[in-house]
Amino acid sequence: MDLGARPPVFSATVETADDHVRVTVTGEVDMATADTMFQTALRQPAARVTLDLRAVTFFDSAAIHALVRLARQLPDALTVLPSRQVRRVLDVSGLGGQVWLRPD
């Protein structure tokens, strides 16, 4: 057990303007934090939701699952801005061509 290790960094902040919600996620999205990302994006009803993942440093299968659930919950309303790491994971998983995924 490494007592000197720092806990993973994660945050999800929300900005609202009219009918648009922007969720900015930073740090690691994994099985401990993916549901928080999901719930934060759905916290307020909105016609458009932008999920800004450009500051995400780690994205695992739980994060992919949460993102796919969001896309299903928000058809035609979700936009995802990926970091380089998130883009790579989504490309490898076969999700790199989704309409909700914006170029880097």
N, C-alpha and C. Protein backbone atom coordinates (compact mmCIF):
# COMPACT_ATOMS: atom_id res chain seq x y z
N MET A 1 0.85 -1.17 0.00
CA MET A 1 0.00 0.00 0.00
C MET A 1 0.89 1.24 0.00
N ASP A 2 0.67 2.11 -0.95
CA ASP A 2 1.46 3.33 -1.08
C ASP A 2 0.72 4.47 -0.40
N LEU A 3 1.15 4.83 0.79
CA LEU A 3 0.48 5.88 1.54
C LEU A 3 0.80 7.27 1.01
N GLY A 4 1.82 7.37 0.15
CA GLY A 4 2.19 8.65 -0.40
C GLY A 4 1.46 9.00 -1.69
N ALA A 5 0.67 8.07 -2.21
CA ALA A 5 -0.02 8.32 -3.48
C ALA A 5 -1.15 9.31 -3.29
N ARG A 6 -1.29 10.20 -4.26
CA ARG A 6 -2.39 11.17 -4.21
C ARG A 6 -3.64 10.55 -4.84
N PRO A 7 -4.81 10.90 -4.34
CA PRO A 7 -6.04 10.38 -4.94
C PRO A 7 -6.21 10.95 -6.34
N PRO A 8 -6.90 10.24 -7.21
CA PRO A 8 -7.12 10.74 -8.57
C PRO A 8 -7.88 12.06 -8.53
N VAL A 9 -7.56 12.92 -9.45
CA VAL A 9 -8.21 14.21 -9.54
C VAL A 9 -9.38 14.11 -10.50
N PHE A 10 -10.53 14.61 -10.08
CA PHE A 10 -11.72 14.62 -10.92
C PHE A 10 -12.59 15.80 -10.52
N SER A 11 -13.13 16.46 -11.50
CA SER A 11 -14.15 17.46 -11.22
C SER A 11 -15.09 17.56 -12.42
N ALA A 12 -16.31 17.93 -12.14
CA ALA A 12 -17.32 18.16 -13.18
C ALA A 12 -18.08 19.41 -12.78
N THR A 13 -17.94 20.45 -13.58
CA THR A 13 -18.61 21.72 -13.30
C THR A 13 -19.64 22.01 -14.38
N VAL A 14 -20.67 22.75 -14.00
CA VAL A 14 -21.78 23.03 -14.90
C VAL A 14 -21.93 24.52 -15.11
N GLU A 15 -22.11 24.91 -16.36
CA GLU A 15 -22.47 26.28 -16.72
C GLU A 15 -23.76 26.20 -17.53
N THR A 16 -24.69 27.08 -17.23
CA THR A 16 -25.98 27.08 -17.92
C THR A 16 -26.21 28.44 -18.56
N ALA A 17 -26.64 28.42 -19.81
CA ALA A 17 -27.02 29.64 -20.51
C ALA A 17 -28.25 29.32 -21.35
N ASP A 18 -29.37 29.91 -20.97
CA ASP A 18 -30.65 29.66 -21.66
C ASP A 18 -30.95 28.16 -21.66
N ASP A 19 -31.01 27.55 -22.84
CA ASP A 19 -31.35 26.13 -22.94
C ASP A 19 -30.13 25.26 -23.20
N HIS A 20 -28.93 25.80 -22.89
CA HIS A 20 -27.68 25.08 -23.14
C HIS A 20 -26.94 24.84 -21.81
N VAL A 21 -26.57 23.58 -21.59
CA VAL A 21 -25.78 23.21 -20.42
C VAL A 21 -24.41 22.77 -20.91
N ARG A 22 -23.37 23.31 -20.28
CA ARG A 22 -22.00 22.91 -20.59
C ARG A 22 -21.41 22.29 -19.33
N VAL A 23 -21.00 21.02 -19.46
CA VAL A 23 -20.36 20.31 -18.36
C VAL A 23 -18.89 20.16 -18.71
N THR A 24 -18.04 20.72 -17.86
CA THR A 24 -16.60 20.63 -18.06
C THR A 24 -16.04 19.62 -17.07
N VAL A 25 -15.43 18.58 -17.62
CA VAL A 25 -14.89 17.49 -16.81
C VAL A 25 -13.37 17.54 -16.88
N THR A 26 -12.73 17.39 -15.72
CA THR A 26 -11.28 17.36 -15.67
C THR A 26 -10.81 16.12 -14.91
N GLY A 27 -9.62 15.67 -15.25
CA GLY A 27 -9.01 14.56 -14.52
C GLY A 27 -9.37 13.21 -15.08
N GLU A 28 -9.56 12.25 -14.19
CA GLU A 28 -9.77 10.85 -14.56
C GLU A 28 -11.25 10.48 -14.48
N VAL A 29 -11.75 9.92 -15.58
CA VAL A 29 -13.13 9.41 -15.58
C VAL A 29 -13.02 7.89 -15.63
N ASP A 30 -13.41 7.27 -14.53
CA ASP A 30 -13.31 5.82 -14.40
C ASP A 30 -14.53 5.30 -13.66
N MET A 31 -14.47 4.07 -13.18
CA MET A 31 -15.67 3.50 -12.55
C MET A 31 -16.07 4.24 -11.27
N ALA A 32 -15.14 4.97 -10.67
CA ALA A 32 -15.48 5.73 -9.47
C ALA A 32 -16.11 7.09 -9.79
N THR A 33 -15.89 7.60 -10.99
CA THR A 33 -16.35 8.96 -11.31
C THR A 33 -17.29 9.04 -12.51
N ALA A 34 -17.41 7.98 -13.29
CA ALA A 34 -18.21 8.03 -14.52
C ALA A 34 -19.67 8.36 -14.25
N ASP A 35 -20.24 7.81 -13.19
CA ASP A 35 -21.65 8.09 -12.90
C ASP A 35 -21.85 9.55 -12.49
N THR A 36 -20.86 10.13 -11.82
CA THR A 36 -20.95 11.54 -11.47
C THR A 36 -20.97 12.39 -12.73
N MET A 37 -20.14 12.05 -13.71
CA MET A 37 -20.16 12.75 -14.99
C MET A 37 -21.54 12.64 -15.63
N PHE A 38 -22.08 11.43 -15.65
CA PHE A 38 -23.39 11.17 -16.24
C PHE A 38 -24.48 11.98 -15.54
N GLN A 39 -24.54 11.89 -14.22
CA GLN A 39 -25.56 12.59 -13.45
C GLN A 39 -25.43 14.11 -13.56
N THR A 40 -24.22 14.60 -13.60
CA THR A 40 -24.01 16.04 -13.72
C THR A 40 -24.54 16.55 -15.06
N ALA A 41 -24.33 15.80 -16.12
CA ALA A 41 -24.80 16.21 -17.44
C ALA A 41 -26.32 16.23 -17.53
N LEU A 42 -26.99 15.42 -16.72
CA LEU A 42 -28.45 15.34 -16.77
C LEU A 42 -29.13 16.12 -15.64
N ARG A 43 -28.36 16.79 -14.82
CA ARG A 43 -28.90 17.47 -13.64
C ARG A 43 -29.97 18.50 -13.99
N GLN A 44 -29.74 19.26 -15.06
CA GLN A 44 -30.69 20.29 -15.45
C GLN A 44 -31.24 19.98 -16.84
N PRO A 45 -32.56 20.11 -17.04
CA PRO A 45 -33.11 19.90 -18.37
C PRO A 45 -32.57 20.96 -19.33
N ALA A 46 -32.22 20.54 -20.54
CA ALA A 46 -31.67 21.47 -21.52
C ALA A 46 -31.91 20.94 -22.93
N ALA A 47 -32.02 21.84 -23.87
CA ALA A 47 -32.17 21.46 -25.27
C ALA A 47 -30.84 21.04 -25.87
N ARG A 48 -29.74 21.58 -25.33
CA ARG A 48 -28.39 21.24 -25.80
C ARG A 48 -27.48 21.02 -24.61
N VAL A 49 -26.66 19.97 -24.71
CA VAL A 49 -25.68 19.67 -23.66
C VAL A 49 -24.32 19.48 -24.33
N THR A 50 -23.35 20.25 -23.86
CA THR A 50 -21.97 20.08 -24.31
C THR A 50 -21.18 19.45 -23.18
N LEU A 51 -20.53 18.35 -23.48
CA LEU A 51 -19.68 17.66 -22.52
C LEU A 51 -18.24 17.94 -22.93
N ASP A 52 -17.60 18.82 -22.19
CA ASP A 52 -16.23 19.22 -22.51
C ASP A 52 -15.27 18.32 -21.76
N LEU A 53 -14.63 17.41 -22.50
CA LEU A 53 -13.70 16.44 -21.93
C LEU A 53 -12.26 16.76 -22.29
N ARG A 54 -11.99 17.98 -22.73
CA ARG A 54 -10.65 18.33 -23.20
C ARG A 54 -9.59 18.31 -22.10
N ALA A 55 -10.00 18.33 -20.83
CA ALA A 55 -9.04 18.26 -19.74
C ALA A 55 -9.04 16.88 -19.06
N VAL A 56 -9.65 15.89 -19.70
CA VAL A 56 -9.69 14.53 -19.16
C VAL A 56 -8.39 13.82 -19.52
N THR A 57 -7.76 13.21 -18.50
CA THR A 57 -6.47 12.55 -18.68
C THR A 57 -6.58 11.03 -18.73
N PHE A 58 -7.70 10.48 -18.31
CA PHE A 58 -7.90 9.02 -18.29
C PHE A 58 -9.38 8.76 -18.52
N PHE A 59 -9.69 7.77 -19.37
CA PHE A 59 -11.08 7.47 -19.75
C PHE A 59 -11.18 5.97 -19.95
N ASP A 60 -11.90 5.27 -19.05
CA ASP A 60 -11.94 3.81 -19.13
C ASP A 60 -13.30 3.31 -19.64
N SER A 61 -13.52 2.01 -19.54
CA SER A 61 -14.76 1.42 -20.07
C SER A 61 -16.01 1.91 -19.33
N ALA A 62 -15.89 2.21 -18.06
CA ALA A 62 -17.04 2.77 -17.33
C ALA A 62 -17.38 4.15 -17.87
N ALA A 63 -16.36 4.91 -18.22
CA ALA A 63 -16.57 6.23 -18.81
C ALA A 63 -17.23 6.10 -20.18
N ILE A 64 -16.78 5.13 -20.98
CA ILE A 64 -17.40 4.89 -22.29
C ILE A 64 -18.88 4.55 -22.10
N HIS A 65 -19.16 3.68 -21.17
CA HIS A 65 -20.55 3.28 -20.91
C HIS A 65 -21.40 4.48 -20.51
N ALA A 66 -20.89 5.33 -19.64
CA ALA A 66 -21.62 6.54 -19.22
C ALA A 66 -21.86 7.46 -20.41
N LEU A 67 -20.86 7.59 -21.28
CA LEU A 67 -20.99 8.45 -22.45
C LEU A 67 -22.03 7.91 -23.43
N VAL A 68 -22.04 6.62 -23.65
CA VAL A 68 -23.04 6.00 -24.53
C VAL A 68 -24.44 6.18 -23.94
N ARG A 69 -24.57 6.02 -22.64
CA ARG A 69 -25.87 6.25 -21.98
C ARG A 69 -26.32 7.70 -22.16
N LEU A 70 -25.40 8.64 -22.04
CA LEU A 70 -25.74 10.05 -22.26
C LEU A 70 -26.21 10.29 -23.69
N ALA A 71 -25.52 9.69 -24.64
CA ALA A 71 -25.91 9.85 -26.04
C ALA A 71 -27.31 9.30 -26.29
N ARG A 72 -27.65 8.23 -25.63
CA ARG A 72 -29.00 7.66 -25.77
C ARG A 72 -30.05 8.53 -25.09
N GLN A 73 -29.70 9.11 -23.95
CA GLN A 73 -30.62 9.98 -23.21
C GLN A 73 -30.83 11.31 -23.91
N LEU A 74 -29.80 11.75 -24.64
CA LEU A 74 -29.83 13.07 -25.26
C LEU A 74 -29.67 13.01 -26.78
N PRO A 75 -30.53 12.26 -27.45
CA PRO A 75 -30.37 12.16 -28.91
C PRO A 75 -30.49 13.55 -29.55
N ASP A 76 -29.59 13.85 -30.44
CA ASP A 76 -29.56 15.13 -31.16
C ASP A 76 -29.31 16.33 -30.27
N ALA A 77 -28.98 16.15 -29.01
CA ALA A 77 -28.74 17.27 -28.11
C ALA A 77 -27.32 17.29 -27.56
N LEU A 78 -26.58 16.18 -27.69
CA LEU A 78 -25.27 16.05 -27.05
C LEU A 78 -24.14 16.39 -28.02
N THR A 79 -23.19 17.17 -27.50
CA THR A 79 -21.93 17.44 -28.20
C THR A 79 -20.81 17.11 -27.23
N VAL A 80 -19.83 16.34 -27.70
CA VAL A 80 -18.69 15.95 -26.87
C VAL A 80 -17.42 16.53 -27.46
N LEU A 81 -16.67 17.25 -26.64
CA LEU A 81 -15.37 17.81 -27.02
C LEU A 81 -14.30 16.96 -26.33
N PRO A 82 -13.61 16.08 -27.07
CA PRO A 82 -12.69 15.14 -26.43
C PRO A 82 -11.27 15.68 -26.26
N SER A 83 -10.60 15.15 -25.25
CA SER A 83 -9.15 15.35 -25.15
C SER A 83 -8.50 14.35 -26.11
N ARG A 84 -7.19 14.45 -26.27
CA ARG A 84 -6.49 13.50 -27.12
C ARG A 84 -6.65 12.08 -26.59
N GLN A 85 -6.59 11.91 -25.26
CA GLN A 85 -6.72 10.59 -24.66
C GLN A 85 -8.13 10.04 -24.87
N VAL A 86 -9.13 10.87 -24.67
CA VAL A 86 -10.51 10.43 -24.85
C VAL A 86 -10.74 10.05 -26.31
N ARG A 87 -10.25 10.87 -27.23
CA ARG A 87 -10.39 10.57 -28.67
C ARG A 87 -9.79 9.21 -28.99
N ARG A 88 -8.61 8.94 -28.47
CA ARG A 88 -7.94 7.67 -28.74
C ARG A 88 -8.78 6.49 -28.24
N VAL A 89 -9.29 6.59 -27.02
CA VAL A 89 -10.11 5.52 -26.44
C VAL A 89 -11.37 5.30 -27.26
N LEU A 90 -12.02 6.39 -27.66
CA LEU A 90 -13.25 6.26 -28.45
C LEU A 90 -12.96 5.70 -29.84
N ASP A 91 -11.85 6.09 -30.45
CA ASP A 91 -11.48 5.53 -31.74
C ASP A 91 -11.24 4.02 -31.64
N VAL A 92 -10.50 3.60 -30.62
CA VAL A 92 -10.20 2.17 -30.43
C VAL A 92 -11.46 1.38 -30.15
N SER A 93 -12.41 1.99 -29.44
CA SER A 93 -13.65 1.29 -29.09
C SER A 93 -14.68 1.29 -30.22
N GLY A 94 -14.37 1.96 -31.33
CA GLY A 94 -15.29 1.99 -32.46
C GLY A 94 -16.30 3.12 -32.41
N LEU A 95 -16.13 4.06 -31.48
CA LEU A 95 -17.07 5.17 -31.33
C LEU A 95 -16.56 6.47 -31.91
N GLY A 96 -15.43 6.44 -32.59
CA GLY A 96 -14.81 7.66 -33.10
C GLY A 96 -15.60 8.38 -34.17
N GLY A 97 -16.56 7.73 -34.78
CA GLY A 97 -17.33 8.36 -35.85
C GLY A 97 -18.72 8.83 -35.44
N GLN A 98 -18.99 8.87 -34.17
CA GLN A 98 -20.32 9.28 -33.71
C GLN A 98 -20.59 10.75 -34.02
N VAL A 99 -21.84 11.08 -34.33
CA VAL A 99 -22.20 12.45 -34.70
C VAL A 99 -22.03 13.42 -33.53
N TRP A 100 -22.13 12.92 -32.32
CA TRP A 100 -22.00 13.80 -31.16
C TRP A 100 -20.55 14.14 -30.82
N LEU A 101 -19.60 13.44 -31.43
CA LEU A 101 -18.18 13.65 -31.14
C LEU A 101 -17.61 14.69 -32.09
N ARG A 102 -17.06 15.75 -31.54
CA ARG A 102 -16.50 16.83 -32.35
C ARG A 102 -15.01 16.61 -32.55
N PRO A 103 -14.48 17.18 -33.63
CA PRO A 103 -13.03 17.06 -33.86
C PRO A 103 -12.24 17.68 -32.72
N ASP A 104 -11.01 17.22 -32.56
CA ASP A 104 -10.14 17.74 -31.50
C ASP A 104 -9.88 19.22 -31.71
